[in-house]
Structure formats: C-alpha cells, structure tokens
C-alpha cells in the first residue's frame, strides 16, 4: 500500500456457511454420513472445496455443528413447552399431541 492511498475494505459478503450446512443435512438425510464426502457437499451447495475448508476444518466438524444445532433446537422447544405447560406432569401427553401422525 502506498502512502496516502486509502486502505482497501474487505469484501462484505454474507456468509455462505449455511448453504454448506443445508446441503450436508439434505445429503445426510439420503445416505449415511460415512458415505458423504466433502466433494458431495460442495457440489450440492454449488461451491468449491476451498469454501468448505474456509468454514469447516473437516466433515466431522460440520456434522458436529449440525448435531449441536439440532440438540439446541430440541432443548429450546422443550423449555418452551415446559414453560407453557407449567409443570412436568402437564407434559405427559406431549408425544400424542406434538405432531403429525404417521
């Protein structure tokens, strides 16, 4: 950089990390995770392996983040249901009323 030249600002692009996560979740729902490669994930997300490794150090780190996010969603849902029910005993019928029937 020369003296007097303005400093360059970094590109302000939104993170595409969530696209990789979404692609991985879709693939993991179709096949066991052991068979899914980084190449499969980036192809599904329309990205490059470099983009993947910018966001994640490994496929295992990506899977761990997906599992932690899902676990947090379950915890949040349980806390909301418990708060709405008032007591744990009020949740006894929860599995019967929580969602669609098979």
N, C-alpha and C. Protein backbone atom coordinates (compact mmCIF):
# COMPACT_ATOMS: atom_id res chain seq x y z
N UNK A 1 0.85 -1.16 0.00
CA UNK A 1 0.00 0.00 0.00
C UNK A 1 0.89 1.23 0.00
N UNK A 2 0.55 2.18 -0.83
CA UNK A 2 1.35 3.39 -0.91
C UNK A 2 0.84 4.41 0.08
N UNK A 3 1.72 5.33 0.45
CA UNK A 3 1.35 6.36 1.40
C UNK A 3 0.29 7.25 0.77
N UNK A 4 -0.74 7.56 1.51
CA UNK A 4 -1.80 8.43 1.02
C UNK A 4 -2.92 7.68 0.32
N UNK A 5 -2.70 6.43 -0.05
CA UNK A 5 -3.76 5.64 -0.71
C UNK A 5 -4.72 5.13 0.35
N UNK A 6 -6.01 5.17 0.06
CA UNK A 6 -6.97 4.67 1.05
C UNK A 6 -6.82 3.17 1.25
N UNK A 7 -7.04 2.73 2.48
CA UNK A 7 -6.96 1.30 2.78
C UNK A 7 -8.13 0.59 2.12
N UNK A 8 -7.89 -0.59 1.59
CA UNK A 8 -8.96 -1.37 0.97
C UNK A 8 -9.81 -2.01 2.04
N UNK A 9 -11.09 -1.91 1.87
CA UNK A 9 -12.02 -2.56 2.79
C UNK A 9 -12.18 -4.02 2.37
N UNK A 10 -12.32 -4.92 3.34
CA UNK A 10 -12.60 -6.31 2.97
C UNK A 10 -13.98 -6.40 2.34
N UNK A 11 -14.13 -7.36 1.47
CA UNK A 11 -15.43 -7.58 0.83
C UNK A 11 -16.47 -7.87 1.91
N UNK A 12 -17.62 -7.30 1.78
CA UNK A 12 -18.68 -7.50 2.75
C UNK A 12 -19.72 -8.45 2.16
N UNK A 13 -19.34 -9.69 2.06
CA UNK A 13 -20.24 -10.71 1.51
C UNK A 13 -20.88 -11.49 2.63
N UNK A 14 -22.14 -11.80 2.50
CA UNK A 14 -22.77 -12.63 3.53
C UNK A 14 -22.14 -14.03 3.53
N UNK A 15 -22.07 -14.61 4.69
CA UNK A 15 -21.50 -15.94 4.82
C UNK A 15 -22.36 -16.95 4.07
N UNK A 16 -21.70 -17.88 3.42
CA UNK A 16 -22.43 -18.95 2.73
C UNK A 16 -22.33 -20.25 3.51
N UNK A 17 -21.90 -20.14 4.76
CA UNK A 17 -21.76 -21.29 5.63
C UNK A 17 -23.08 -22.07 5.72
N UNK A 18 -24.19 -21.34 5.84
CA UNK A 18 -25.49 -22.02 5.98
C UNK A 18 -25.85 -22.82 4.74
N UNK A 19 -25.34 -22.42 3.57
CA UNK A 19 -25.60 -23.21 2.35
C UNK A 19 -24.91 -24.58 2.45
N UNK A 20 -23.71 -24.58 3.00
CA UNK A 20 -22.99 -25.85 3.19
C UNK A 20 -23.73 -26.73 4.19
N UNK A 21 -24.20 -26.13 5.28
CA UNK A 21 -24.92 -26.89 6.29
C UNK A 21 -26.20 -27.47 5.71
N UNK A 22 -26.95 -26.65 4.97
CA UNK A 22 -28.20 -27.12 4.36
C UNK A 22 -27.93 -28.27 3.39
N UNK A 23 -26.89 -28.13 2.57
CA UNK A 23 -26.55 -29.19 1.61
C UNK A 23 -26.18 -30.47 2.34
N UNK A 24 -25.40 -30.35 3.41
CA UNK A 24 -25.00 -31.53 4.17
C UNK A 24 -26.21 -32.21 4.81
N UNK A 25 -27.11 -31.43 5.39
CA UNK A 25 -28.31 -32.01 6.02
C UNK A 25 -29.13 -32.77 4.98
N UNK A 26 -29.29 -32.18 3.80
CA UNK A 26 -30.03 -32.86 2.74
C UNK A 26 -29.36 -34.18 2.38
N UNK A 27 -28.05 -34.16 2.21
CA UNK A 27 -27.34 -35.39 1.84
C UNK A 27 -27.37 -36.42 2.95
N UNK A 28 -27.19 -35.96 4.21
CA UNK A 28 -27.20 -36.89 5.34
C UNK A 28 -28.58 -37.52 5.51
N UNK A 29 -29.63 -36.87 5.02
CA UNK A 29 -30.96 -37.46 5.10
C UNK A 29 -31.18 -38.53 4.03
N UNK A 30 -30.29 -38.54 3.03
CA UNK A 30 -30.43 -39.51 1.94
C UNK A 30 -29.53 -40.73 2.10
N UNK A 31 -28.37 -40.53 2.70
CA UNK A 31 -27.38 -41.60 2.85
C UNK A 31 -26.70 -41.48 4.20
N UNK A 32 -26.11 -42.57 4.69
CA UNK A 32 -25.34 -42.48 5.93
C UNK A 32 -24.19 -41.49 5.75
N UNK A 33 -23.89 -40.75 6.80
CA UNK A 33 -22.88 -39.70 6.69
C UNK A 33 -21.50 -40.24 6.31
N UNK A 34 -21.24 -41.49 6.62
CA UNK A 34 -19.95 -42.09 6.29
C UNK A 34 -19.69 -42.11 4.78
N UNK A 35 -20.77 -42.11 4.00
CA UNK A 35 -20.65 -42.19 2.54
C UNK A 35 -20.63 -40.82 1.87
N UNK A 36 -20.89 -39.76 2.63
CA UNK A 36 -20.93 -38.42 2.07
C UNK A 36 -19.55 -37.79 2.18
N UNK A 37 -19.05 -37.28 1.07
CA UNK A 37 -17.73 -36.66 1.05
C UNK A 37 -17.86 -35.14 1.00
N UNK A 38 -16.76 -34.47 1.27
CA UNK A 38 -16.73 -33.01 1.13
C UNK A 38 -17.08 -32.64 -0.31
N UNK A 39 -16.59 -33.41 -1.26
CA UNK A 39 -16.90 -33.13 -2.67
C UNK A 39 -18.40 -33.21 -2.92
N UNK A 40 -19.09 -34.16 -2.30
CA UNK A 40 -20.54 -34.27 -2.44
C UNK A 40 -21.24 -33.03 -1.87
N UNK A 41 -20.78 -32.60 -0.71
CA UNK A 41 -21.41 -31.46 -0.04
C UNK A 41 -21.23 -30.18 -0.86
N UNK A 42 -19.99 -29.93 -1.32
CA UNK A 42 -19.77 -28.69 -2.07
C UNK A 42 -20.47 -28.72 -3.42
N UNK A 43 -20.56 -29.90 -4.02
CA UNK A 43 -21.29 -29.99 -5.29
C UNK A 43 -22.76 -29.65 -5.07
N UNK A 44 -23.35 -30.20 -4.01
CA UNK A 44 -24.76 -29.95 -3.70
C UNK A 44 -24.99 -28.46 -3.39
N UNK A 45 -24.01 -27.83 -2.73
CA UNK A 45 -24.14 -26.42 -2.35
C UNK A 45 -23.73 -25.48 -3.48
N UNK A 46 -23.14 -26.02 -4.55
CA UNK A 46 -22.69 -25.19 -5.65
C UNK A 46 -21.48 -24.35 -5.28
N UNK A 47 -20.58 -24.95 -4.50
CA UNK A 47 -19.40 -24.23 -4.02
C UNK A 47 -18.15 -25.04 -4.31
N UNK A 48 -17.03 -24.56 -3.81
CA UNK A 48 -15.75 -25.23 -4.02
C UNK A 48 -15.26 -25.82 -2.69
N UNK A 49 -14.35 -26.79 -2.78
CA UNK A 49 -13.77 -27.32 -1.54
C UNK A 49 -13.08 -26.23 -0.71
N UNK A 50 -12.48 -25.24 -1.37
CA UNK A 50 -11.83 -24.15 -0.63
C UNK A 50 -12.83 -23.42 0.25
N UNK A 51 -14.04 -23.22 -0.26
CA UNK A 51 -15.08 -22.56 0.52
C UNK A 51 -15.45 -23.41 1.73
N UNK A 52 -15.56 -24.72 1.50
CA UNK A 52 -15.87 -25.62 2.61
C UNK A 52 -14.81 -25.50 3.70
N UNK A 53 -13.54 -25.59 3.31
CA UNK A 53 -12.46 -25.58 4.30
C UNK A 53 -12.22 -24.20 4.90
N UNK A 54 -12.76 -23.18 4.30
CA UNK A 54 -12.73 -21.85 4.91
C UNK A 54 -13.64 -21.85 6.14
N UNK A 55 -14.77 -22.55 6.06
CA UNK A 55 -15.76 -22.57 7.12
C UNK A 55 -15.60 -23.72 8.11
N UNK A 56 -15.12 -24.85 7.63
CA UNK A 56 -15.01 -26.05 8.47
C UNK A 56 -13.66 -26.71 8.27
N UNK A 57 -13.11 -27.27 9.33
CA UNK A 57 -11.82 -27.95 9.21
C UNK A 57 -11.98 -29.37 8.68
N UNK A 58 -13.20 -29.92 8.83
CA UNK A 58 -13.42 -31.29 8.38
C UNK A 58 -14.92 -31.56 8.27
N UNK A 59 -15.23 -32.66 7.67
CA UNK A 59 -16.61 -33.14 7.56
C UNK A 59 -17.16 -33.42 8.96
N UNK A 60 -16.31 -33.92 9.83
CA UNK A 60 -16.72 -34.23 11.19
C UNK A 60 -17.10 -32.97 11.95
N UNK A 61 -16.35 -31.87 11.74
CA UNK A 61 -16.69 -30.62 12.40
C UNK A 61 -18.05 -30.13 11.92
N UNK A 62 -18.32 -30.25 10.64
CA UNK A 62 -19.62 -29.87 10.09
C UNK A 62 -20.73 -30.70 10.73
N UNK A 63 -20.55 -32.00 10.79
CA UNK A 63 -21.55 -32.88 11.40
C UNK A 63 -21.78 -32.52 12.86
N UNK A 64 -20.70 -32.25 13.58
CA UNK A 64 -20.82 -31.87 14.99
C UNK A 64 -21.64 -30.59 15.14
N UNK A 65 -21.42 -29.63 14.27
CA UNK A 65 -22.20 -28.39 14.34
C UNK A 65 -23.67 -28.65 14.04
N UNK A 66 -23.95 -29.51 13.08
CA UNK A 66 -25.34 -29.84 12.75
C UNK A 66 -26.02 -30.50 13.95
N UNK A 67 -25.34 -31.45 14.59
CA UNK A 67 -25.91 -32.16 15.74
C UNK A 67 -26.11 -31.19 16.91
N UNK A 68 -25.14 -30.32 17.16
CA UNK A 68 -25.28 -29.36 18.26
C UNK A 68 -26.44 -28.40 18.00
N UNK A 69 -26.60 -27.96 16.76
CA UNK A 69 -27.70 -27.06 16.42
C UNK A 69 -29.05 -27.75 16.63
N UNK A 70 -29.14 -29.00 16.18
CA UNK A 70 -30.38 -29.76 16.35
C UNK A 70 -30.68 -29.98 17.83
N UNK A 71 -29.65 -30.32 18.60
CA UNK A 71 -29.85 -30.52 20.04
C UNK A 71 -30.33 -29.24 20.71
N UNK A 72 -29.76 -28.10 20.32
CA UNK A 72 -30.18 -26.82 20.90
C UNK A 72 -31.63 -26.51 20.55
N UNK A 73 -32.04 -26.85 19.32
CA UNK A 73 -33.43 -26.62 18.93
C UNK A 73 -34.38 -27.47 19.78
N UNK A 74 -34.00 -28.72 20.07
CA UNK A 74 -34.81 -29.59 20.92
C UNK A 74 -34.89 -29.05 22.34
N UNK A 75 -33.76 -28.59 22.85
CA UNK A 75 -33.74 -28.02 24.21
C UNK A 75 -34.65 -26.80 24.27
N UNK A 76 -34.53 -25.91 23.29
CA UNK A 76 -35.36 -24.71 23.25
C UNK A 76 -36.84 -25.07 23.19
N UNK A 77 -37.18 -26.06 22.35
CA UNK A 77 -38.57 -26.47 22.22
C UNK A 77 -39.07 -27.06 23.54
N UNK A 78 -38.27 -27.87 24.18
CA UNK A 78 -38.65 -28.46 25.47
C UNK A 78 -38.87 -27.39 26.53
N UNK A 79 -38.00 -26.40 26.55
CA UNK A 79 -38.15 -25.32 27.53
C UNK A 79 -39.42 -24.52 27.27
N UNK A 80 -39.73 -24.25 26.00
CA UNK A 80 -40.96 -23.52 25.67
C UNK A 80 -42.19 -24.32 26.06
N UNK A 81 -42.16 -25.63 25.76
CA UNK A 81 -43.30 -26.48 26.11
C UNK A 81 -43.49 -26.56 27.62
N UNK A 82 -42.39 -26.70 28.35
CA UNK A 82 -42.48 -26.78 29.81
C UNK A 82 -42.99 -25.46 30.38
N UNK A 83 -42.52 -24.35 29.85
CA UNK A 83 -42.99 -23.05 30.34
C UNK A 83 -44.49 -22.89 30.06
N UNK A 84 -44.94 -23.34 28.91
CA UNK A 84 -46.35 -23.23 28.56
C UNK A 84 -47.20 -24.19 29.39
N UNK A 85 -46.65 -25.37 29.72
CA UNK A 85 -47.40 -26.37 30.47
C UNK A 85 -47.47 -26.02 31.95
N UNK A 86 -46.43 -25.41 32.45
CA UNK A 86 -46.42 -25.04 33.86
C UNK A 86 -45.78 -26.08 34.75
N UNK A 87 -46.03 -27.36 34.50
CA UNK A 87 -45.44 -28.42 35.32
C UNK A 87 -45.01 -29.58 34.41
N UNK A 88 -44.03 -30.35 34.84
CA UNK A 88 -43.63 -31.52 34.04
C UNK A 88 -44.78 -32.51 33.84
N UNK A 89 -45.66 -32.64 34.86
CA UNK A 89 -46.78 -33.57 34.74
C UNK A 89 -47.74 -33.18 33.61
N UNK A 90 -47.82 -31.91 33.30
CA UNK A 90 -48.70 -31.44 32.24
C UNK A 90 -48.19 -31.85 30.86
N UNK A 91 -46.94 -32.29 30.79
CA UNK A 91 -46.35 -32.72 29.51
C UNK A 91 -46.54 -34.20 29.23
N UNK A 92 -47.19 -34.93 30.11
CA UNK A 92 -47.33 -36.38 29.95
C UNK A 92 -47.91 -36.76 28.60
N UNK A 93 -48.88 -36.05 28.09
CA UNK A 93 -49.49 -36.37 26.81
C UNK A 93 -48.77 -35.76 25.62
N UNK A 94 -47.63 -35.13 25.84
CA UNK A 94 -46.92 -34.43 24.77
C UNK A 94 -46.68 -35.27 23.51
N UNK A 95 -46.14 -36.49 23.59
CA UNK A 95 -45.90 -37.23 22.35
C UNK A 95 -47.17 -37.47 21.54
N UNK A 96 -48.30 -37.58 22.19
CA UNK A 96 -49.56 -37.83 21.49
C UNK A 96 -50.10 -36.58 20.78
N UNK A 97 -49.71 -35.40 21.26
CA UNK A 97 -50.28 -34.17 20.73
C UNK A 97 -49.26 -33.31 20.00
N UNK A 98 -47.99 -33.72 19.96
CA UNK A 98 -46.92 -32.85 19.47
C UNK A 98 -46.86 -32.70 17.97
N UNK A 99 -47.24 -33.68 17.24
CA UNK A 99 -47.02 -33.55 15.82
C UNK A 99 -47.93 -34.43 14.99
N UNK A 100 -47.61 -34.48 13.70
CA UNK A 100 -48.45 -35.27 12.78
C UNK A 100 -48.37 -36.76 13.07
N UNK A 101 -49.42 -37.42 12.80
CA UNK A 101 -49.48 -38.89 12.97
C UNK A 101 -48.88 -39.55 11.75
N UNK A 102 -48.22 -40.70 11.96
CA UNK A 102 -47.64 -41.41 10.80
C UNK A 102 -48.69 -41.94 9.85
